[in-house]
C-alpha atoms as a PDB file:
ATOM      1  CA  MET A   1     147.408 137.857  80.415  1.00  0.00           C
ATOM      2  CA  TRP A   2     146.176 134.932  79.806  1.00  0.00           C
ATOM      3  CA  GLN A   3     149.740 132.913  81.421  1.00  0.00           C
ATOM      4  CA  GLU A   4     148.970 134.842  84.467  1.00  0.00           C
ATOM      5  CA  PHE A   5     145.173 133.628  84.400  1.00  0.00           C
ATOM      6  CA  SER A   6     146.208 129.654  84.186  1.00  0.00           C
ATOM      7  CA  ALA A   7     148.983 130.160  86.961  1.00  0.00           C
ATOM      8  CA  PHE A   8     146.685 131.804  89.104  1.00  0.00           C
ATOM      9  CA  VAL A   9     144.130 129.165  88.532  1.00  0.00           C
ATOM     10  CA  MET A  10     146.116 126.439  88.945  1.00  0.00           C
ATOM     11  CA  THR A  11     148.132 128.160  91.637  1.00  0.00           C
ATOM     12  CA  TYR A  12     145.287 128.458  94.001  1.00  0.00           C
ATOM     13  CA  VAL A  13     141.294 127.491  92.366  1.00  0.00           C
ATOM     14  CA  ASP A  14     142.401 123.601  91.162  1.00  0.00           C
ATOM     15  CA  PRO A  15     143.875 122.584  94.913  1.00  0.00           C
ATOM     16  CA  ILE A  16     140.273 124.285  96.337  1.00  0.00           C
ATOM     17  CA  GLY A  17     138.512 122.676  93.629  1.00  0.00           C
ATOM     18  CA  VAL A  18     140.447 119.403  94.924  1.00  0.00           C
ATOM     19  CA  VAL A  19     139.842 119.869  98.436  1.00  0.00           C
ATOM     20  CA  VAL A  20     135.745 121.084  97.879  1.00  0.00           C
ATOM     21  CA  GLY A  21     135.462 117.489  96.031  1.00  0.00           C
ATOM     22  CA  ILE A  22     136.797 115.619  98.665  1.00  0.00           C
ATOM     23  CA  LEU A  23     134.770 116.915 101.332  1.00  0.00           C
ATOM     24  CA  ILE A  24     131.743 116.693  99.061  1.00  0.00           C
ATOM     25  CA  ALA A  25     132.442 112.651  98.393  1.00  0.00           C
ATOM     26  CA  VAL A  26     132.380 111.322 101.827  1.00  0.00           C
ATOM     27  CA  PRO A  27     129.000 112.001 102.479  1.00  0.00           C
ATOM     28  CA  VAL A  28     127.982 111.058  98.628  1.00  0.00           C
ATOM     29  CA  PHE A  29     129.643 108.270 100.353  1.00  0.00           C
ATOM     30  CA  TRP A  30     128.370 107.431 102.695  1.00  0.00           C
ATOM     31  CA  THR A  31     124.976 107.730 101.328  1.00  0.00           C
ATOM     32  CA  TRP A  32     125.629 105.645  99.221  1.00  0.00           C
ATOM     33  CA  TYR A  33     126.964 102.959 101.202  1.00  0.00           C
ATOM     34  CA  GLU A  34     124.079 103.442 103.883  1.00  0.00           C
ATOM     35  CA  VAL A  35     121.643 103.338 101.165  1.00  0.00           C
ATOM     36  CA  THR A  36     122.905 100.190  99.684  1.00  0.00           C
ATOM     37  CA  LEU A  37     124.738  98.031 102.114  1.00  0.00           C
ATOM     38  CA  GLY A  38     123.098  99.337 105.723  1.00  0.00           C
ATOM     39  CA  GLN A  39     119.433  99.737 104.924  1.00  0.00           C
ATOM     40  CA  ARG A  40     119.705  95.936 103.040  1.00  0.00           C
ATOM     41  CA  ARG A  41     121.980  94.796 106.128  1.00  0.00           C
ATOM     42  CA  GLN A  42     118.843  96.186 108.130  1.00  0.00           C
ATOM     43  CA  ARG A  43     116.257  94.061 105.793  1.00  0.00           C
ATOM     44  CA  ARG A  44     118.030  90.979 105.966  1.00  0.00           C
ATOM     45  CA  ARG A  45     118.246  91.261 110.080  1.00  0.00           C
ATOM     46  CA  LEU A  46     114.112  91.786 110.148  1.00  0.00           C
ATOM     47  CA  TYR A  47     113.404  89.002 107.827  1.00  0.00           C
ATOM     48  CA  ARG A  48     115.422  87.401 109.757  1.00  0.00           C
ATOM     49  CA  GLU A  49     113.721  88.021 113.038  1.00  0.00           C
ATOM     50  CA  LEU A  50     110.643  87.885 111.356  1.00  0.00           C
ATOM     51  CA  ARG A  51     111.379  83.855 110.172  1.00  0.00           C
ATOM     52  CA  GLY A  52     112.231  82.907 113.211  1.00  0.00           C
ATOM     53  CA  ASN A  53     110.022  84.213 115.465  1.00  0.00           C
ATOM     54  CA  PRO A  54     106.139  84.156 113.985  1.00  0.00           C
ATOM     55  CA  GLY A  55     103.715  86.261 115.112  1.00  0.00           C
ATOM     56  CA  GLY A  56     106.269  87.902 117.444  1.00  0.00           C
ATOM     57  CA  ARG A  57     105.471  91.082 115.936  1.00  0.00           C
ATOM     58  CA  PRO A  58     101.761  91.469 116.895  1.00  0.00           C
ATOM     59  CA  GLY A  59     100.313  95.014 116.153  1.00  0.00           C
ATOM     60  CA  ILE A  60      96.712  96.621 116.753  1.00  0.00           C
ATOM     61  CA  LEU A  61      94.277  98.149 114.179  1.00  0.00           C
ATOM     62  CA  ILE A  62      91.129 100.564 115.400  1.00  0.00           C
ATOM     63  CA  LEU A  63      89.093 101.353 112.632  1.00  0.00           C
ATOM     64  CA  ASP A  64      86.042 103.815 114.794  1.00  0.00           C
ATOM     65  CA  LEU A  65      83.389 104.337 112.039  1.00  0.00           C
ATOM     66  CA  LEU A  66      80.856 105.004 114.617  1.00  0.00           C
ATOM     67  CA  PRO A  67      79.699 108.570 115.210  1.00  0.00           C
ATOM     68  CA  GLY A  68      79.684 110.285 117.933  1.00  0.00           C
ATOM     69  CA  LYS A  69      81.416 108.048 119.880  1.00  0.00           C
ATOM     70  CA  ASP A  70      84.632 107.418 120.684  1.00  0.00           C
ATOM     71  CA  VAL A  71      85.674 103.530 120.513  1.00  0.00           C
ATOM     72  CA  CYS A  72      89.854 104.154 122.291  1.00  0.00           C
ATOM     73  CA  PRO A  73      89.100 103.774 125.218  1.00  0.00           C
ATOM     74  CA  ALA A  74      87.138 100.703 124.827  1.00  0.00           C
ATOM     75  CA  VAL A  75      88.958  98.570 123.452  1.00  0.00           C
ATOM     76  CA  GLU A  76      92.574  99.985 125.853  1.00  0.00           C
ATOM     77  CA  ARG A  77      90.394  98.769 128.785  1.00  0.00           C
ATOM     78  CA  PHE A  78      89.787  95.544 127.227  1.00  0.00           C
ATOM     79  CA  ARG A  79      93.157  95.165 126.293  1.00  0.00           C
ATOM     80  CA  GLN A  80      95.281  95.764 129.305  1.00  0.00           C
ATOM     81  CA  THR A  81      92.360  92.601 129.995  1.00  0.00           C
ATOM     82  CA  ASP A  82      94.471  90.359 127.715  1.00  0.00           C
ATOM     83  CA  GLU A  83      98.354  89.390 128.600  1.00  0.00           C
ATOM     84  CA  ALA A  84      99.100  89.090 124.948  1.00  0.00           C
ATOM     85  CA  LEU A  85      97.372  92.522 123.573  1.00  0.00           C
ATOM     86  CA  LYS A  86      99.112  94.032 127.076  1.00  0.00           C
ATOM     87  CA  LEU A  87     102.024  93.359 124.898  1.00  0.00           C
ATOM     88  CA  ILE A  88     101.935  95.125 122.408  1.00  0.00           C
ATOM     89  CA  PRO A  89     104.294  99.231 122.080  1.00  0.00           C
ATOM     90  CA  SER A  90     102.498 101.306 121.135  1.00  0.00           C
ATOM     91  CA  GLU A  91     104.374 102.081 117.725  1.00  0.00           C
ATOM     92  CA  ARG A  92     102.190  99.256 116.540  1.00  0.00           C
ATOM     93  CA  HIS A  93      99.192 100.283 117.543  1.00  0.00           C
ATOM     94  CA  PHE A  94      97.144 102.417 114.118  1.00  0.00           C
ATOM     95  CA  VAL A  95      93.565 103.845 114.978  1.00  0.00           C
ATOM     96  CA  LEU A  96      91.320 104.882 112.103  1.00  0.00           C
ATOM     97  CA  SER A  97      88.544 106.956 112.889  1.00  0.00           C
ATOM     98  CA  ARG A  98      85.816 109.698 111.395  1.00  0.00           C
ATOM     99  CA  ASP A  99      83.392 111.408 113.373  1.00  0.00           C
ATOM    100  CA  GLN A 100      80.890 111.124 110.324  1.00  0.00           C
ATOM    101  CA  GLY A 101      78.507 109.159 108.872  1.00  0.00           C
ATOM    102  CA  LEU A 102      79.185 106.299 106.056  1.00  0.00           C
ATOM    103  CA  THR A 103      78.025 107.227 102.989  1.00  0.00           C
ATOM    104  CA  PRO A 104      79.289 105.672  99.427  1.00  0.00           C
ATOM    105  CA  GLN A 105      80.885 109.413  98.388  1.00  0.00           C
ATOM    106  CA  ALA A 106      82.433 108.525 102.041  1.00  0.00           C
ATOM    107  CA  MET A 107      84.374 105.140 100.953  1.00  0.00           C
ATOM    108  CA  PRO A 108      87.389 106.483  98.063  1.00  0.00           C
ATOM    109  CA  GLU A 109      88.260 108.277 101.094  1.00  0.00           C
ATOM    110  CA  ILE A 110      88.413 105.484 103.829  1.00  0.00           C
ATOM    111  CA  HIS A 111      89.802 103.077 100.924  1.00  0.00           C
ATOM    112  CA  ALA A 112      92.793 106.165 100.659  1.00  0.00           C
ATOM    113  CA  ASP A 113      93.353 105.883 104.424  1.00  0.00           C
ATOM    114  CA  LEU A 114      93.184 102.451 105.370  1.00  0.00           C
ATOM    115  CA  ARG A 115      95.893 101.467 101.935  1.00  0.00           C
ATOM    116  CA  ALA A 116      98.290 104.582 104.285  1.00  0.00           C
ATOM    117  CA  ALA A 117      97.397 102.094 107.797  1.00  0.00           C
ATOM    118  CA  ALA A 118      98.428  99.121 105.698  1.00  0.00           C
ATOM    119  CA  ALA A 119     101.637 100.745 104.071  1.00  0.00           C
ATOM    120  CA  ARG A 120     102.211 101.280 107.845  1.00  0.00           C
ATOM    121  CA  ILE A 121     101.172  98.454 109.301  1.00  0.00           C
ATOM    122  CA  VAL A 122     103.396  96.554 106.563  1.00  0.00           C
ATOM    123  CA  GLY A 123     106.366  98.459 107.555  1.00  0.00           C
ATOM    124  CA  GLU A 124     106.449  97.676 110.732  1.00  0.00           C
ATOM    125  CA  GLY A 125     106.361  94.383 110.237  1.00  0.00           C
ATOM    126  CA  VAL A 126     103.609  93.271 111.677  1.00  0.00           C
ATOM    127  CA  ASP A 127     102.731  89.856 111.118  1.00  0.00           C
ATOM    128  CA  VAL A 128      99.440  89.137 113.278  1.00  0.00           C
ATOM    129  CA  LEU A 129      97.308  92.610 113.478  1.00  0.00           C
ATOM    130  CA  HIS A 130      94.843  92.339 116.215  1.00  0.00           C
ATOM    131  CA  TYR A 131      91.514  94.230 114.749  1.00  0.00           C
ATOM    132  CA  PHE A 132      88.532  96.292 116.147  1.00  0.00           C
ATOM    133  CA  HIS A 133      86.062  96.972 114.107  1.00  0.00           C
ATOM    134  CA  ALA A 134      83.004  99.723 115.038  1.00  0.00           C
ATOM    135  CA  GLY A 135      81.409 100.822 112.819  1.00  0.00           C
ATOM    136  CA  PRO A 136      79.033  99.444 109.527  1.00  0.00           C
ATOM    137  CA  ALA A 137      80.981  95.435 108.229  1.00  0.00           C
ATOM    138  CA  ILE A 138      81.500  96.406 104.564  1.00  0.00           C
ATOM    139  CA  VAL A 139      84.220  98.424 105.355  1.00  0.00           C
ATOM    140  CA  ALA A 140      85.985  95.156 106.934  1.00  0.00           C
ATOM    141  CA  THR A 141      86.016  93.723 103.701  1.00  0.00           C
ATOM    142  CA  LEU A 142      88.472  96.189 102.742  1.00  0.00           C
ATOM    143  CA  VAL A 143      90.159  95.819 105.508  1.00  0.00           C
ATOM    144  CA  GLY A 144      90.128  92.310 104.560  1.00  0.00           C
ATOM    145  CA  ALA A 145      91.148  92.953 100.779  1.00  0.00           C
ATOM    146  CA  GLU A 146      93.925  95.147 101.997  1.00  0.00           C
ATOM    147  CA  LEU A 147      95.833  92.897 104.035  1.00  0.00           C
ATOM    148  CA  ALA A 148      95.067  89.957 102.711  1.00  0.00           C
ATOM    149  CA  ASN A 149      98.101  89.231 101.828  1.00  0.00           C
ATOM    150  CA  SER A 150     100.353  90.915 104.548  1.00  0.00           C
ATOM    151  CA  CYS A 151      99.602  88.980 108.098  1.00  0.00           C
ATOM    152  CA  ARG A 152      97.541  87.307 109.549  1.00  0.00           C
ATOM    153  CA  VAL A 153      94.346  89.611 110.635  1.00  0.00           C
ATOM    154  CA  ILE A 154      92.383  88.248 113.886  1.00  0.00           C
ATOM    155  CA  LEU A 155      88.914  90.512 114.609  1.00  0.00           C
ATOM    156  CA  TYR A 156      87.250  91.596 117.004  1.00  0.00           C
ATOM    157  CA  GLN A 157      83.760  93.067 117.095  1.00  0.00           C
ATOM    158  CA  GLN A 158      81.757  94.638 120.434  1.00  0.00           C
ATOM    159  CA  ASP A 159      78.882  92.628 121.860  1.00  0.00           C
ATOM    160  CA  HIS A 160      77.352  94.310 124.258  1.00  0.00           C
ATOM    161  CA  GLY A 161      79.955  96.191 126.010  1.00  0.00           C
ATOM    162  CA  HIS A 162      82.679  93.509 125.357  1.00  0.00           C
ATOM    163  CA  TYR A 163      85.107  92.458 122.899  1.00  0.00           C
ATOM    164  CA  VAL A 164      84.013  88.947 120.861  1.00  0.00           C
ATOM    165  CA  ASN A 165      87.443  87.931 118.883  1.00  0.00           C
ATOM    166  CA  PHE A 166      86.287  86.593 116.145  1.00  0.00           C
ATOM    167  CA  GLY A 167      89.495  84.645 114.839  1.00  0.00           C
ATOM    168  CA  PRO A 168      91.069  85.429 111.209  1.00  0.00           C
ATOM    169  CA  LEU A 169      89.759  87.411 108.894  1.00  0.00           C
ATOM    170  CA  LYS A 170      89.929  86.052 105.638  1.00  0.00           C
ATOM    171  CA  ILE A 171      88.823  87.002 102.100  1.00  0.00           C
ATOM    172  CA  LEU A 172      86.987  84.331  99.891  1.00  0.00           C
END
């Protein structure tokens, strides 16, 4: 009985196990290659591009904290009048908006949303961020603190219907 079972296993199950093992090994090795070498190659290409062309990957961050208002159309109108901002692709547009008033209890949630946006900004390789601010100025300090070590941030503030460039945002 044992010899018949052993012969069955060696004749049928063992070759099937080898074929299944080879079929499973192919996607495992493919994934290993992509994770170790493929992503590394993509990161190197992105870093070479960023080093060779500083300021070549601009982005736009719109922070709208005014309840009952939507500043995105106004920013879009302003963006269409500026030649440099007009060329920024839509995948590098980031919008944070809140339709409620700002309270101290809401600051942790805003900070978490801002950190998530900062991660997306860094993930896109943005090296110059045009920051359109609408709301209390205290949140601009959060933006400056979150993005201090990532990219240059240029602050725009709405003044009587048009946006004014306040220059680079710095944390002192």
